[in-house]
N, C-alpha and C. Protein backbone atom coordinates (compact mmCIF):
# COMPACT_ATOMS: atom_id res chain seq x y z
N MET A 1 32.14 -24.54 -22.61
CA MET A 1 33.29 -24.70 -21.51
C MET A 1 34.26 -25.40 -21.91
N ASP A 2 35.52 -24.84 -21.11
CA ASP A 2 36.85 -25.84 -21.32
C ASP A 2 37.10 -26.81 -20.12
N GLU A 3 37.58 -28.00 -20.42
CA GLU A 3 37.75 -28.82 -19.39
C GLU A 3 38.31 -28.38 -17.81
N PHE A 4 38.55 -27.87 -17.86
CA PHE A 4 39.29 -27.34 -17.01
C PHE A 4 38.45 -26.28 -16.19
N ARG A 5 37.45 -25.48 -16.67
CA ARG A 5 36.39 -25.12 -16.28
C ARG A 5 35.39 -26.62 -15.12
N GLU A 6 35.20 -27.06 -16.86
CA GLU A 6 34.12 -28.31 -15.73
C GLU A 6 34.52 -29.18 -13.92
N LEU A 7 36.09 -29.18 -14.16
CA LEU A 7 37.12 -29.72 -13.22
C LEU A 7 36.64 -28.66 -12.52
N ASP A 8 36.32 -27.52 -12.26
CA ASP A 8 37.03 -26.76 -11.31
C ASP A 8 34.95 -26.78 -10.53
N CYS A 9 34.28 -26.85 -11.66
CA CYS A 9 32.91 -26.87 -10.73
C CYS A 9 32.02 -28.00 -9.77
N ALA A 10 32.92 -29.21 -10.28
CA ALA A 10 33.23 -29.95 -9.20
C ALA A 10 34.31 -30.44 -7.97
N LYS A 11 34.35 -29.33 -7.31
CA LYS A 11 35.49 -28.60 -6.30
C LYS A 11 34.88 -27.43 -5.65
N PRO A 12 35.12 -27.87 -4.34
CA PRO A 12 34.54 -26.60 -3.25
C PRO A 12 34.70 -25.49 -3.41
N ASN A 13 36.50 -25.12 -3.81
CA ASN A 13 36.76 -23.83 -3.64
C ASN A 13 36.17 -23.27 -5.18
N PHE A 14 35.50 -23.40 -6.30
CA PHE A 14 34.97 -22.92 -7.02
C PHE A 14 33.39 -22.21 -6.69
N TRP A 15 33.33 -23.06 -5.87
CA TRP A 15 31.72 -22.44 -5.37
C TRP A 15 31.72 -21.35 -4.45
N SER A 16 33.13 -21.75 -3.25
CA SER A 16 33.17 -21.22 -1.94
C SER A 16 33.91 -19.52 -2.51
N GLN A 17 34.30 -19.70 -3.70
CA GLN A 17 35.12 -18.03 -4.40
C GLN A 17 34.03 -17.15 -4.87
N ARG A 18 32.79 -17.77 -5.32
CA ARG A 18 31.27 -17.14 -5.64
C ARG A 18 30.64 -16.94 -4.05
N TYR A 19 30.15 -17.65 -3.31
CA TYR A 19 29.44 -17.42 -1.77
C TYR A 19 30.62 -16.19 -1.32
N GLN A 20 31.75 -16.18 -0.90
CA GLN A 20 32.82 -15.35 -0.68
C GLN A 20 32.29 -14.13 -0.73
N SER A 21 32.61 -14.07 -3.03
CA SER A 21 32.31 -12.79 -2.82
C SER A 21 30.86 -12.15 -3.19
N GLY A 22 29.63 -13.12 -3.09
CA GLY A 22 28.21 -12.87 -3.53
C GLY A 22 27.87 -12.38 -4.51
N ARG A 23 28.74 -13.98 -5.55
CA ARG A 23 28.05 -13.97 -6.72
C ARG A 23 27.74 -15.01 -7.02
N THR A 24 26.27 -15.26 -6.44
CA THR A 24 25.31 -16.65 -6.54
C THR A 24 23.86 -15.82 -6.96
N PRO A 25 23.72 -15.83 -7.89
CA PRO A 25 22.33 -15.48 -8.58
C PRO A 25 21.04 -16.02 -8.92
N TRP A 26 21.49 -17.64 -7.93
CA TRP A 26 20.77 -18.58 -7.90
C TRP A 26 20.31 -18.46 -6.68
N GLN A 27 20.54 -18.30 -5.59
CA GLN A 27 20.36 -17.78 -4.28
C GLN A 27 18.52 -17.20 -4.55
N LEU A 28 17.92 -18.12 -3.14
CA LEU A 28 16.68 -17.33 -3.62
C LEU A 28 16.22 -16.17 -2.10
N GLY A 29 15.25 -15.68 -1.94
CA GLY A 29 15.25 -14.62 -0.75
C GLY A 29 13.70 -15.09 -0.29
N TYR A 30 13.34 -16.11 -0.84
CA TYR A 30 11.96 -16.25 -0.15
C TYR A 30 12.05 -17.91 -0.57
N VAL A 31 10.58 -18.36 0.14
CA VAL A 31 10.21 -19.46 -0.25
C VAL A 31 9.35 -19.93 -1.72
N PRO A 32 9.78 -20.86 -2.42
CA PRO A 32 8.27 -20.64 -3.43
C PRO A 32 7.33 -21.38 -3.38
N LYS A 33 6.30 -21.30 -3.98
CA LYS A 33 4.88 -21.50 -3.27
C LYS A 33 4.94 -22.83 -3.95
N GLN A 34 5.39 -23.58 -4.69
CA GLN A 34 5.20 -25.12 -5.13
C GLN A 34 6.51 -25.39 -4.37
N LEU A 35 6.70 -25.19 -3.77
CA LEU A 35 7.96 -25.95 -2.76
C LEU A 35 7.05 -25.42 -0.79
N ALA A 36 6.42 -24.77 -0.74
CA ALA A 36 5.75 -24.49 0.07
C ALA A 36 4.73 -25.57 1.08
N ALA A 37 4.07 -25.37 -0.62
CA ALA A 37 2.75 -26.10 -1.20
C ALA A 37 3.67 -27.80 -0.88
N PHE A 38 4.46 -28.13 -0.80
CA PHE A 38 4.58 -29.65 -0.46
C PHE A 38 5.15 -29.87 0.50
N ILE A 39 5.58 -29.21 0.63
CA ILE A 39 5.85 -28.85 2.67
C ILE A 39 5.12 -28.98 2.78
N SER A 40 3.82 -27.90 3.24
CA SER A 40 2.89 -28.34 4.14
C SER A 40 2.14 -30.05 3.83
N ALA A 41 2.10 -30.24 2.71
CA ALA A 41 1.51 -31.76 2.53
C ALA A 41 1.66 -32.84 3.12
N LEU A 42 3.44 -32.75 3.17
CA LEU A 42 3.86 -33.76 3.64
C LEU A 42 2.94 -34.76 4.90
N PRO A 43 3.65 -36.19 5.34
CA PRO A 43 3.30 -36.10 6.74
C PRO A 43 3.95 -35.68 7.95
N ALA A 44 3.86 -36.09 8.39
CA ALA A 44 3.90 -34.70 9.97
C ALA A 44 5.25 -36.38 10.41
N GLY A 45 5.95 -34.98 10.05
CA GLY A 45 7.81 -35.74 10.43
C GLY A 45 9.13 -36.13 9.49
N ALA A 46 8.22 -36.00 8.35
CA ALA A 46 9.42 -36.59 7.48
C ALA A 46 10.22 -36.30 7.72
N GLU A 47 11.31 -37.12 6.87
CA GLU A 47 12.71 -37.15 7.12
C GLU A 47 13.22 -36.46 5.50
N ILE A 48 13.72 -35.52 6.07
CA ILE A 48 14.17 -34.56 4.48
C ILE A 48 15.83 -34.70 4.58
N LEU A 49 16.50 -34.95 3.68
CA LEU A 49 18.04 -34.68 3.00
C LEU A 49 17.84 -33.43 2.01
N ILE A 50 19.02 -32.39 1.77
CA ILE A 50 19.05 -31.91 1.01
C ILE A 50 19.52 -31.28 0.23
N PRO A 51 20.59 -31.64 -1.09
CA PRO A 51 21.92 -32.40 -1.09
C PRO A 51 22.12 -30.92 -1.54
N GLY A 52 23.20 -30.66 -1.47
CA GLY A 52 24.15 -29.20 -2.09
C GLY A 52 23.31 -28.11 -1.90
N SER A 53 23.06 -28.01 -0.55
CA SER A 53 22.21 -27.08 -0.10
C SER A 53 22.61 -25.56 -0.01
N GLY A 54 23.95 -25.32 -0.23
CA GLY A 54 24.67 -24.17 -0.16
C GLY A 54 23.88 -23.14 0.57
N GLY A 55 23.84 -21.74 0.05
CA GLY A 55 23.36 -21.25 1.44
C GLY A 55 21.82 -20.88 1.83
N ASP A 56 21.08 -22.28 1.14
CA ASP A 56 19.71 -22.09 1.15
C ASP A 56 19.05 -22.58 2.74
N TRP A 57 19.42 -21.07 3.81
CA TRP A 57 18.68 -21.16 4.71
C TRP A 57 17.28 -21.39 4.97
N ARG A 58 16.87 -20.31 4.20
CA ARG A 58 15.38 -20.26 4.11
C ARG A 58 14.28 -21.56 3.90
N THR A 59 14.84 -22.97 2.92
CA THR A 59 14.02 -24.15 2.68
C THR A 59 14.37 -24.67 4.29
N VAL A 60 15.72 -24.66 4.42
CA VAL A 60 15.90 -25.45 5.94
C VAL A 60 15.20 -25.60 7.40
N ARG A 61 14.79 -24.18 6.82
CA ARG A 61 13.97 -23.41 8.35
C ARG A 61 12.43 -23.66 7.84
N ALA A 62 12.04 -23.71 6.83
CA ALA A 62 10.52 -24.02 5.98
C ALA A 62 10.21 -25.10 6.49
N PHE A 63 11.57 -25.85 6.28
CA PHE A 63 10.71 -27.15 6.67
C PHE A 63 11.04 -27.77 8.33
N PHE A 64 11.73 -27.72 8.71
CA PHE A 64 11.80 -27.24 10.08
C PHE A 64 10.30 -26.58 10.81
N GLU A 65 10.05 -25.43 10.15
CA GLU A 65 9.31 -24.60 10.89
C GLU A 65 7.41 -25.82 10.47
N ALA A 66 7.64 -26.72 9.59
CA ALA A 66 7.16 -27.40 9.01
C ALA A 66 6.85 -28.20 10.39
N GLY A 67 7.72 -29.16 11.35
CA GLY A 67 7.82 -30.43 11.68
C GLY A 67 8.38 -31.16 11.37
N HIS A 68 9.64 -31.21 10.47
CA HIS A 68 9.91 -31.59 9.23
C HIS A 68 11.05 -31.73 10.19
N ARG A 69 12.03 -33.04 9.95
CA ARG A 69 13.75 -33.38 10.68
C ARG A 69 14.07 -33.54 9.21
N VAL A 70 14.91 -32.30 9.17
CA VAL A 70 15.73 -32.42 8.77
C VAL A 70 17.57 -32.20 8.26
N THR A 71 17.97 -33.17 7.19
CA THR A 71 19.59 -32.39 6.93
C THR A 71 20.21 -32.30 6.05
N ALA A 72 20.73 -31.23 5.63
CA ALA A 72 21.08 -30.20 4.34
C ALA A 72 22.74 -30.67 4.23
N ILE A 73 23.52 -31.34 3.54
CA ILE A 73 25.06 -31.32 2.49
C ILE A 73 25.40 -30.25 1.58
N ASP A 74 26.18 -29.25 1.62
CA ASP A 74 26.89 -29.15 1.42
C ASP A 74 28.33 -28.86 0.68
N PHE A 75 29.37 -28.94 0.45
CA PHE A 75 30.98 -29.32 0.76
C PHE A 75 31.75 -27.79 0.06
N SER A 76 30.95 -26.69 0.50
CA SER A 76 31.51 -25.27 0.53
C SER A 76 31.43 -24.85 1.61
N PRO A 77 32.54 -25.08 2.66
CA PRO A 77 32.88 -24.44 4.21
C PRO A 77 31.94 -22.37 4.07
N VAL A 78 32.57 -21.91 3.45
CA VAL A 78 31.55 -20.81 3.37
C VAL A 78 30.47 -20.55 2.97
N ALA A 79 29.65 -21.72 2.04
CA ALA A 79 28.42 -21.45 2.07
C ALA A 79 27.68 -22.39 3.30
N VAL A 80 28.64 -23.44 3.88
CA VAL A 80 27.78 -23.62 5.08
C VAL A 80 27.85 -23.29 6.00
N GLU A 81 28.77 -21.79 6.76
CA GLU A 81 29.19 -20.83 7.32
C GLU A 81 28.23 -20.20 7.40
N GLN A 82 27.79 -19.48 6.11
CA GLN A 82 26.92 -18.09 6.34
C GLN A 82 25.62 -19.12 6.16
N ALA A 83 25.41 -20.46 5.73
CA ALA A 83 24.07 -20.73 6.65
C ALA A 83 23.79 -20.94 7.68
N LYS A 84 25.17 -21.21 8.20
CA LYS A 84 24.27 -21.80 9.56
C LYS A 84 24.44 -19.98 10.16
N ASN A 85 24.92 -19.73 10.14
CA ASN A 85 24.87 -17.86 10.51
C ASN A 85 23.72 -17.91 10.14
N ALA A 86 22.55 -17.95 9.45
CA ALA A 86 21.44 -17.45 9.41
C ALA A 86 20.89 -18.44 10.22
N LEU A 87 21.15 -19.60 10.61
CA LEU A 87 20.09 -20.32 10.74
C LEU A 87 19.56 -20.80 12.23
N GLY A 88 21.05 -19.74 12.91
CA GLY A 88 20.73 -20.12 14.28
C GLY A 88 19.98 -21.22 14.65
N ARG A 89 18.68 -21.39 15.69
CA ARG A 89 18.73 -23.27 16.90
C ARG A 89 19.09 -24.22 15.47
N PHE A 90 18.54 -23.96 13.98
CA PHE A 90 18.91 -24.63 13.24
C PHE A 90 19.86 -25.38 12.49
N ALA A 91 21.01 -24.76 13.10
CA ALA A 91 22.30 -24.53 12.60
C ALA A 91 22.94 -26.10 12.00
N ASP A 92 22.45 -26.68 13.72
CA ASP A 92 22.91 -28.63 13.91
C ASP A 92 22.52 -29.13 12.24
N ALA A 93 21.30 -28.86 11.44
CA ALA A 93 20.42 -29.90 10.62
C ALA A 93 22.13 -29.15 9.56
N LEU A 94 23.11 -28.67 9.34
CA LEU A 94 24.08 -28.45 8.30
C LEU A 94 24.92 -29.74 8.75
N ILE A 95 25.13 -30.11 7.20
CA ILE A 95 26.61 -30.52 7.19
C ILE A 95 27.45 -30.29 6.02
N LEU A 96 28.71 -29.94 6.71
CA LEU A 96 29.86 -30.12 5.55
C LEU A 96 30.81 -30.88 4.81
N GLY A 97 29.49 -31.13 3.66
CA GLY A 97 30.16 -32.99 3.33
C GLY A 97 30.15 -33.13 1.99
N ASN A 98 30.25 -33.90 1.20
CA ASN A 98 30.44 -34.28 0.14
C ASN A 98 28.92 -35.34 -0.59
N PHE A 99 28.29 -34.91 -0.89
CA PHE A 99 27.17 -35.75 -0.89
C PHE A 99 27.63 -37.40 -1.11
N PHE A 100 28.24 -36.95 -2.02
CA PHE A 100 28.26 -38.88 -2.73
C PHE A 100 29.54 -39.52 -2.37
N SER A 101 30.36 -38.99 -1.26
CA SER A 101 30.98 -39.78 -0.67
C SER A 101 30.85 -39.63 1.48
N TYR A 102 29.76 -39.08 1.78
CA TYR A 102 29.64 -38.41 3.16
C TYR A 102 29.09 -40.04 3.80
N ASP A 103 29.12 -40.44 4.60
CA ASP A 103 28.95 -41.39 5.81
C ASP A 103 27.70 -41.13 6.07
N PHE A 104 26.61 -41.02 5.96
CA PHE A 104 24.93 -41.03 6.06
C PHE A 104 24.92 -42.37 8.30
N GLY A 105 25.48 -43.41 7.29
CA GLY A 105 25.68 -44.36 8.00
C GLY A 105 24.15 -45.86 7.45
N SER A 106 23.01 -45.86 9.08
CA SER A 106 22.51 -46.83 7.68
C SER A 106 21.38 -45.57 7.72
N ARG A 107 21.26 -44.56 7.64
CA ARG A 107 19.47 -43.77 7.29
C ARG A 107 19.20 -43.12 6.37
N CYS A 108 18.43 -43.10 5.82
CA CYS A 108 17.41 -43.23 5.07
C CYS A 108 16.27 -42.33 4.92
N PHE A 109 15.63 -41.43 3.65
CA PHE A 109 15.07 -40.61 3.72
C PHE A 109 14.02 -41.00 3.82
N ASP A 110 13.20 -39.76 4.02
CA ASP A 110 11.95 -40.26 3.08
C ASP A 110 11.47 -39.45 2.34
N PHE A 111 12.15 -38.22 1.95
CA PHE A 111 12.24 -37.59 0.99
C PHE A 111 13.61 -36.12 -0.17
N MET A 112 14.02 -35.73 -1.25
CA MET A 112 15.33 -35.65 -1.28
C MET A 112 14.84 -33.91 -1.98
N TYR A 113 15.14 -33.11 -1.91
CA TYR A 113 14.44 -32.18 -2.07
C TYR A 113 15.70 -31.13 -3.06
N GLU A 114 15.41 -31.22 -4.12
CA GLU A 114 16.44 -30.80 -5.46
C GLU A 114 16.53 -29.12 -5.49
N ARG A 115 17.03 -28.35 -5.93
CA ARG A 115 16.56 -27.45 -7.28
C ARG A 115 18.54 -26.63 -6.57
N THR A 116 18.81 -26.70 -8.16
CA THR A 116 20.27 -26.56 -8.08
C THR A 116 21.99 -27.49 -8.11
N PHE A 117 21.48 -28.13 -7.21
CA PHE A 117 22.25 -28.59 -7.34
C PHE A 117 22.23 -30.36 -8.11
N LEU A 118 21.47 -30.67 -8.67
CA LEU A 118 21.80 -31.28 -10.11
C LEU A 118 22.54 -30.56 -11.24
N CYS A 119 22.12 -29.38 -11.78
CA CYS A 119 22.83 -28.81 -12.41
C CYS A 119 23.72 -27.67 -12.24
N SER A 120 24.26 -27.81 -11.23
CA SER A 120 25.22 -27.66 -11.61
C SER A 120 27.06 -28.68 -11.05
N LEU A 121 25.91 -29.75 -11.23
CA LEU A 121 27.21 -30.83 -11.61
C LEU A 121 27.51 -30.80 -13.27
N PRO A 122 28.81 -30.89 -13.70
CA PRO A 122 28.76 -31.84 -15.13
C PRO A 122 28.87 -32.68 -14.84
N PRO A 123 27.49 -33.23 -16.50
CA PRO A 123 27.28 -34.04 -16.69
C PRO A 123 28.01 -34.80 -16.63
N ARG A 124 29.28 -35.24 -16.48
CA ARG A 124 29.89 -36.21 -16.09
C ARG A 124 29.42 -36.87 -14.31
N LEU A 125 28.76 -36.26 -14.22
CA LEU A 125 28.56 -36.63 -12.15
C LEU A 125 26.55 -36.96 -12.37
N TRP A 126 26.44 -37.03 -13.37
CA TRP A 126 24.41 -37.21 -13.96
C TRP A 126 24.65 -38.67 -12.67
N LYS A 127 25.24 -39.70 -13.61
CA LYS A 127 24.74 -40.38 -13.50
C LYS A 127 25.19 -41.01 -11.63
N ASN A 128 26.19 -40.69 -11.38
CA ASN A 128 26.41 -40.72 -9.71
C ASN A 128 25.60 -40.15 -8.99
N TYR A 129 24.61 -39.13 -9.10
CA TYR A 129 23.80 -37.79 -8.46
C TYR A 129 22.53 -39.03 -8.20
N VAL A 130 21.74 -39.47 -9.59
CA VAL A 130 20.72 -40.69 -9.51
C VAL A 130 21.03 -41.71 -8.56
N THR A 131 22.62 -42.72 -8.87
CA THR A 131 22.43 -43.68 -7.90
C THR A 131 22.82 -43.41 -7.13
N ARG A 132 23.55 -42.35 -6.54
CA ARG A 132 23.29 -42.07 -4.34
C ARG A 132 21.55 -41.72 -4.49
N VAL A 133 20.84 -40.31 -4.69
CA VAL A 133 19.55 -40.63 -4.50
C VAL A 133 19.30 -41.76 -4.62
N ALA A 134 19.02 -42.95 -5.15
CA ALA A 134 18.08 -43.91 -5.20
C ALA A 134 19.06 -45.15 -3.67
N GLU A 135 19.99 -44.46 -3.25
CA GLU A 135 20.60 -45.46 -2.32
C GLU A 135 20.43 -44.86 -0.74
N LEU A 136 20.16 -43.24 -1.07
CA LEU A 136 19.57 -42.24 -0.29
C LEU A 136 18.26 -42.78 0.40
N LEU A 137 17.24 -42.94 -0.70
CA LEU A 137 15.93 -42.64 -0.62
C LEU A 137 15.14 -43.46 -0.15
N ARG A 138 14.52 -44.14 1.03
CA ARG A 138 13.52 -45.05 1.17
C ARG A 138 12.24 -45.52 0.58
N PRO A 139 12.16 -46.48 0.01
CA PRO A 139 11.36 -47.29 -1.00
C PRO A 139 9.89 -46.55 -1.55
N LYS A 140 9.58 -45.77 -0.80
CA LYS A 140 8.49 -45.43 -1.00
C LYS A 140 8.83 -43.73 -1.29
N GLY A 141 9.97 -43.22 -0.80
CA GLY A 141 10.52 -42.18 -1.46
C GLY A 141 10.54 -41.40 -2.19
N LYS A 142 11.12 -39.72 -2.60
CA LYS A 142 10.33 -38.83 -3.58
C LYS A 142 11.65 -37.98 -3.32
N LEU A 143 12.22 -37.87 -5.20
CA LEU A 143 13.01 -37.09 -5.41
C LEU A 143 12.45 -36.04 -5.91
N ALA A 144 12.28 -34.91 -5.29
CA ALA A 144 11.26 -33.62 -5.55
C ALA A 144 12.11 -32.46 -5.49
N GLY A 145 11.68 -31.68 -6.72
CA GLY A 145 12.21 -29.95 -6.42
C GLY A 145 12.38 -29.36 -7.92
N PHE A 146 12.75 -28.44 -8.21
CA PHE A 146 12.75 -27.82 -9.42
C PHE A 146 14.16 -28.12 -9.60
N PHE A 147 13.73 -28.49 -11.30
CA PHE A 147 14.53 -28.80 -11.98
C PHE A 147 15.38 -28.29 -13.27
N LEU A 148 15.89 -27.94 -13.41
CA LEU A 148 16.18 -27.16 -14.94
C LEU A 148 16.64 -27.50 -16.25
N TYR A 149 15.63 -26.66 -17.80
CA TYR A 149 15.90 -27.23 -18.96
C TYR A 149 16.02 -26.36 -19.52
N GLY A 150 16.65 -26.64 -20.58
CA GLY A 150 17.35 -25.65 -21.66
C GLY A 150 18.18 -25.72 -22.56
N ASP A 151 19.04 -24.73 -22.50
CA ASP A 151 20.40 -24.64 -23.04
C ASP A 151 20.99 -23.27 -22.20
N GLU A 152 22.03 -23.90 -21.99
CA GLU A 152 23.28 -22.80 -21.29
C GLU A 152 24.75 -22.48 -22.05
N PRO A 153 24.69 -21.44 -22.19
CA PRO A 153 25.64 -21.55 -23.75
C PRO A 153 27.30 -21.38 -22.60
N ASP A 154 27.54 -21.38 -21.64
CA ASP A 154 27.89 -21.09 -20.76
C ASP A 154 28.62 -21.71 -19.02
N PRO A 155 27.57 -23.23 -19.13
CA PRO A 155 27.62 -23.27 -18.30
C PRO A 155 29.06 -23.10 -17.25
N PRO A 156 28.22 -23.17 -15.52
CA PRO A 156 27.63 -23.98 -14.94
C PRO A 156 26.20 -22.89 -15.56
N PRO A 157 25.03 -23.08 -15.51
CA PRO A 157 24.06 -24.19 -14.75
C PRO A 157 24.19 -25.44 -16.31
N TYR A 158 24.28 -26.36 -15.85
CA TYR A 158 24.25 -27.39 -17.46
C TYR A 158 22.47 -28.16 -17.08
N PRO A 159 21.76 -26.87 -17.68
CA PRO A 159 20.26 -28.15 -17.71
C PRO A 159 20.09 -29.07 -18.43
N LEU A 160 18.70 -29.86 -18.48
CA LEU A 160 18.91 -31.38 -18.75
C LEU A 160 17.66 -30.65 -19.98
N THR A 161 17.64 -31.83 -20.82
CA THR A 161 16.37 -31.82 -21.88
C THR A 161 15.77 -32.87 -21.11
N GLU A 162 14.43 -32.81 -22.27
CA GLU A 162 13.61 -33.86 -22.09
C GLU A 162 14.14 -35.42 -22.39
N ALA A 163 15.03 -35.75 -22.94
CA ALA A 163 15.90 -36.58 -23.22
C ALA A 163 16.72 -37.24 -22.51
N LYS A 164 17.50 -36.15 -22.05
CA LYS A 164 18.23 -36.32 -21.11
C LYS A 164 18.42 -36.25 -19.67
N ALA A 165 16.58 -36.48 -19.56
CA ALA A 165 15.88 -36.46 -18.34
C ALA A 165 15.96 -38.18 -18.06
N ASN A 166 15.05 -38.42 -19.13
CA ASN A 166 14.23 -39.95 -19.41
C ASN A 166 15.52 -41.06 -19.43
N GLU A 167 16.48 -40.56 -19.72
CA GLU A 167 17.24 -40.85 -19.87
C GLU A 167 18.08 -41.69 -19.02
N LEU A 168 17.99 -40.34 -18.52
CA LEU A 168 18.99 -40.06 -17.08
C LEU A 168 18.50 -40.94 -15.83
N PHE A 169 17.26 -41.17 -15.67
CA PHE A 169 16.46 -41.50 -14.29
C PHE A 169 15.91 -43.55 -15.31
N ALA A 170 15.67 -43.38 -16.28
CA ALA A 170 15.68 -44.60 -16.82
C ALA A 170 16.00 -45.46 -15.64
N GLY A 171 14.92 -46.24 -15.37
CA GLY A 171 15.30 -47.81 -14.65
C GLY A 171 15.61 -47.63 -13.10
N ARG A 172 15.23 -45.88 -12.85
CA ARG A 172 15.26 -46.42 -11.21
C ARG A 172 14.68 -45.28 -10.57
N PHE A 173 13.34 -44.65 -11.48
CA PHE A 173 12.49 -43.16 -10.98
C PHE A 173 11.60 -43.54 -12.18
N GLU A 174 10.13 -42.99 -11.82
CA GLU A 174 9.23 -42.60 -12.37
C GLU A 174 9.35 -41.13 -12.39
N LEU A 175 8.69 -40.37 -13.47
CA LEU A 175 8.07 -39.12 -13.12
C LEU A 175 6.89 -39.45 -12.97
N ILE A 176 7.00 -38.14 -11.43
CA ILE A 176 4.97 -38.64 -11.06
C ILE A 176 3.66 -37.56 -11.03
N ARG A 177 5.28 -35.90 -11.17
CA ARG A 177 4.64 -35.43 -11.70
C ARG A 177 5.75 -33.78 -12.09
N SER A 178 5.04 -33.06 -12.99
CA SER A 178 6.08 -32.38 -13.82
C SER A 178 4.94 -30.51 -13.93
N ASP A 179 5.56 -29.71 -13.37
CA ASP A 179 4.58 -28.43 -13.58
C ASP A 179 5.72 -27.11 -13.26
N ALA A 180 5.32 -26.03 -14.57
CA ALA A 180 6.38 -25.15 -15.29
C ALA A 180 5.69 -24.30 -13.92
N VAL A 181 6.77 -23.57 -13.82
CA VAL A 181 6.57 -22.91 -11.92
C VAL A 181 6.88 -21.22 -12.87
N ALA A 182 6.15 -20.79 -12.18
CA ALA A 182 5.51 -19.09 -11.87
C ALA A 182 6.70 -17.95 -11.48
N ASP A 183 7.40 -18.70 -10.49
CA ASP A 183 7.95 -17.97 -9.55
C ASP A 183 9.13 -17.68 -9.43
N SER A 184 9.96 -17.94 -10.87
CA SER A 184 11.49 -18.68 -10.66
C SER A 184 12.50 -17.42 -10.49
N LEU A 185 13.37 -16.92 -10.35
CA LEU A 185 14.13 -16.18 -10.61
C LEU A 185 14.50 -15.65 -11.97
N PRO A 186 15.09 -14.75 -11.84
CA PRO A 186 14.76 -13.49 -13.69
C PRO A 186 15.49 -15.16 -14.47
N ILE A 187 16.88 -15.30 -13.33
CA ILE A 187 18.34 -16.71 -14.57
C ILE A 187 17.20 -16.83 -14.82
N PHE A 188 16.29 -17.93 -14.35
CA PHE A 188 15.66 -19.10 -15.00
C PHE A 188 14.75 -18.64 -15.26
N HIS A 189 13.51 -18.17 -15.65
CA HIS A 189 13.25 -17.96 -16.35
C HIS A 189 12.83 -19.13 -17.35
N ARG A 190 11.37 -19.24 -16.91
CA ARG A 190 10.55 -20.09 -17.94
C ARG A 190 11.92 -21.91 -18.07
N MET A 191 12.83 -22.00 -17.25
CA MET A 191 13.85 -22.87 -17.45
C MET A 191 13.12 -24.01 -16.57
N GLU A 192 12.92 -23.25 -15.18
CA GLU A 192 12.70 -24.33 -14.12
C GLU A 192 10.93 -25.72 -14.08
N LYS A 193 11.64 -26.25 -13.71
CA LYS A 193 10.29 -27.25 -13.79
C LYS A 193 9.52 -28.22 -12.63
N TRP A 194 8.63 -27.88 -11.67
CA TRP A 194 8.54 -28.44 -10.23
C TRP A 194 8.32 -29.92 -10.44
N GLN A 195 9.66 -30.70 -10.52
CA GLN A 195 9.11 -32.60 -10.75
C GLN A 195 8.80 -32.93 -9.62
N GLU A 196 8.70 -34.36 -9.79
CA GLU A 196 8.79 -35.37 -8.57
C GLU A 196 8.63 -36.69 -9.14
N TRP A 197 9.84 -37.18 -8.49
CA TRP A 197 10.29 -38.69 -8.77
C TRP A 197 9.89 -39.86 -8.09
N ALA A 198 9.53 -40.84 -8.65
CA ALA A 198 9.54 -42.12 -7.53
C ALA A 198 9.62 -43.34 -7.59
N PRO A 199 11.14 -44.07 -6.83
CA PRO A 199 11.95 -44.74 -6.99
C PRO A 199 10.60 -46.53 -7.42
N LEU A 200 11.33 -46.87 -9.24
CA LEU A 200 10.64 -47.32 -9.29
C LEU A 200 11.02 -49.30 -8.44
């Protein structure tokens, strides 16, 4: 991938064009089994943040319907508008903003849900991601979700490797769970892992 494309995928318009045209093969039309089990096991009223939520309104609704407090943020106006239109009474959960710079005030979160956000970022931003997650999680919070591993000849997405993940989270987070995923989309077959990371 050339530098121009890498810069593009760090900007809202790169993603808005894809949402506008429907070129979103990463979007789920269902709540994955591991996410559903995770949601049902959370303590009542947990405060959740979904960074880079895109158009994934089903996940937002699933957290809400289980009685949790959800905030989702994305910097693509098109993705946020599409998700708001689908969410109806839950639409206020969505924020149009940049995860890295948005002012959440004094708010911290119990859990942060990851799916296709980290791998959408150029690797030069990965350390910023880990730093920001650590800032926004409560001390006993957890980063949990689907992390993409493997090789991609024409990114994005930008998959992790085991070595890169260990390096990236070293000193900030501990991996406490890592499981294979059985119901991934075909484009992510055998590349996704359900993982849970706890702050050190």
